[in-house]
Amino acid sequence: MRLLHPGSVLACLLAVLLVGCGQKGPLYLPKPPAPAPTATPQTAPAPAPAPIPNPTVKP
C-alpha cells in the first residue's frame, strides 16, 4: 500500500506553484519614500533703518 498517490502529489505541487502567480504584469521595485522635509531655522528680518529727515523740506 502506497502512502501518497503520485497524482495527488503532482496536484499539490501544481497548486503550490500556481499560488505565486497572483502578480500580473512585469515585476517592479517600489520607489523609495521621499525624504521628510527638514525645518530650517528662520531668523527674524532685520529692522528697516529709520528714515533720514530731509533738512530742505519744511513741513
C-alpha atoms as a PDB file:
ATOM      1  CA  MET A   1       0.000   0.000   0.000  1.00  0.00           C
ATOM      2  CA  ARG A   2       1.341   3.382  -1.001  1.00  0.00           C
ATOM      3  CA  LEU A   3       1.075   6.293   1.381  1.00  0.00           C
ATOM      4  CA  LEU A   4       0.898   9.015  -1.277  1.00  0.00           C
ATOM      5  CA  HIS A   5      -0.690   8.710  -4.681  1.00  0.00           C
ATOM      6  CA  PRO A   6       1.561  10.231  -7.407  1.00  0.00           C
ATOM      7  CA  GLY A   7      -1.389  12.133  -8.892  1.00  0.00           C
ATOM      8  CA  SER A   8      -2.208  13.824  -5.587  1.00  0.00           C
ATOM      9  CA  VAL A   9       1.448  14.786  -5.088  1.00  0.00           C
ATOM     10  CA  LEU A  10       1.539  16.283  -8.587  1.00  0.00           C
ATOM     11  CA  ALA A  11      -1.705  18.173  -7.950  1.00  0.00           C
ATOM     12  CA  CYS A  12      -0.341  19.600  -4.691  1.00  0.00           C
ATOM     13  CA  LEU A  13       2.889  20.695  -6.357  1.00  0.00           C
ATOM     14  CA  LEU A  14       0.971  22.336  -9.175  1.00  0.00           C
ATOM     15  CA  ALA A  15      -1.234  24.167  -6.668  1.00  0.00           C
ATOM     16  CA  VAL A  16       1.829  25.420  -4.761  1.00  0.00           C
ATOM     17  CA  LEU A  17       3.426  26.679  -7.981  1.00  0.00           C
ATOM     18  CA  LEU A  18       0.265  28.495  -9.071  1.00  0.00           C
ATOM     19  CA  VAL A  19      -0.038  30.346  -5.766  1.00  0.00           C
ATOM     20  CA  GLY A  20       2.842  32.613  -6.792  1.00  0.00           C
ATOM     21  CA  CYS A  21       1.058  33.785  -9.949  1.00  0.00           C
ATOM     22  CA  GLY A  22      -1.014  36.494  -8.263  1.00  0.00           C
ATOM     23  CA  GLN A  23       1.071  39.419  -9.582  1.00  0.00           C
ATOM     24  CA  LYS A  24       0.076  40.325 -13.113  1.00  0.00           C
ATOM     25  CA  GLY A  25       2.404  42.229 -15.417  1.00  0.00           C
ATOM     26  CA  PRO A  26       6.103  42.891 -15.058  1.00  0.00           C
ATOM     27  CA  LEU A  27       7.787  42.797 -11.705  1.00  0.00           C
ATOM     28  CA  TYR A  28       8.928  46.136 -10.289  1.00  0.00           C
ATOM     29  CA  LEU A  29      10.630  47.546  -7.239  1.00  0.00           C
ATOM     30  CA  PRO A  30       8.647  50.130  -5.291  1.00  0.00           C
ATOM     31  CA  LYS A  31      10.066  53.658  -5.279  1.00  0.00           C
ATOM     32  CA  PRO A  32      11.797  54.645  -2.046  1.00  0.00           C
ATOM     33  CA  PRO A  33       9.801  57.069   0.111  1.00  0.00           C
ATOM     34  CA  ALA A  34      10.598  60.743  -0.323  1.00  0.00           C
ATOM     35  CA  PRO A  35      12.760  62.162   2.460  1.00  0.00           C
ATOM     36  CA  ALA A  36      10.908  64.222   5.018  1.00  0.00           C
ATOM     37  CA  PRO A  37      11.478  67.954   4.601  1.00  0.00           C
ATOM     38  CA  THR A  38      13.760  69.332   7.253  1.00  0.00           C
ATOM     39  CA  ALA A  39      12.801  72.519   9.022  1.00  0.00           C
ATOM     40  CA  THR A  40      15.319  75.282   8.561  1.00  0.00           C
ATOM     41  CA  PRO A  41      15.620  77.771  11.382  1.00  0.00           C
ATOM     42  CA  GLN A  42      14.212  81.120  10.320  1.00  0.00           C
ATOM     43  CA  THR A  43      15.797  84.298  11.541  1.00  0.00           C
ATOM     44  CA  ALA A  44      13.814  87.455  12.156  1.00  0.00           C
ATOM     45  CA  PRO A  45      14.256  90.037   9.400  1.00  0.00           C
ATOM     46  CA  ALA A  46      16.486  92.973  10.244  1.00  0.00           C
ATOM     47  CA  PRO A  47      14.541  96.119  11.172  1.00  0.00           C
ATOM     48  CA  ALA A  48      14.362  98.775   8.484  1.00  0.00           C
ATOM     49  CA  PRO A  49      16.570 101.785   9.117  1.00  0.00           C
ATOM     50  CA  ALA A  50      14.831 104.946  10.293  1.00  0.00           C
ATOM     51  CA  PRO A  51      14.291 107.500   7.510  1.00  0.00           C
ATOM     52  CA  ILE A  52      16.726 110.366   7.500  1.00  0.00           C
ATOM     53  CA  PRO A  53      14.890 113.713   7.698  1.00  0.00           C
ATOM     54  CA  ASN A  54      15.472 115.990   4.716  1.00  0.00           C
ATOM     55  CA  PRO A  55      16.502 119.429   6.052  1.00  0.00           C
ATOM     56  CA  THR A  56      15.487 121.252   2.848  1.00  0.00           C
ATOM     57  CA  VAL A  57      11.806 120.270   3.019  1.00  0.00           C
ATOM     58  CA  LYS A  58       9.741 122.164   5.563  1.00  0.00           C
ATOM     59  CA  PRO A  59       6.635 120.519   6.900  1.00  0.00           C
END
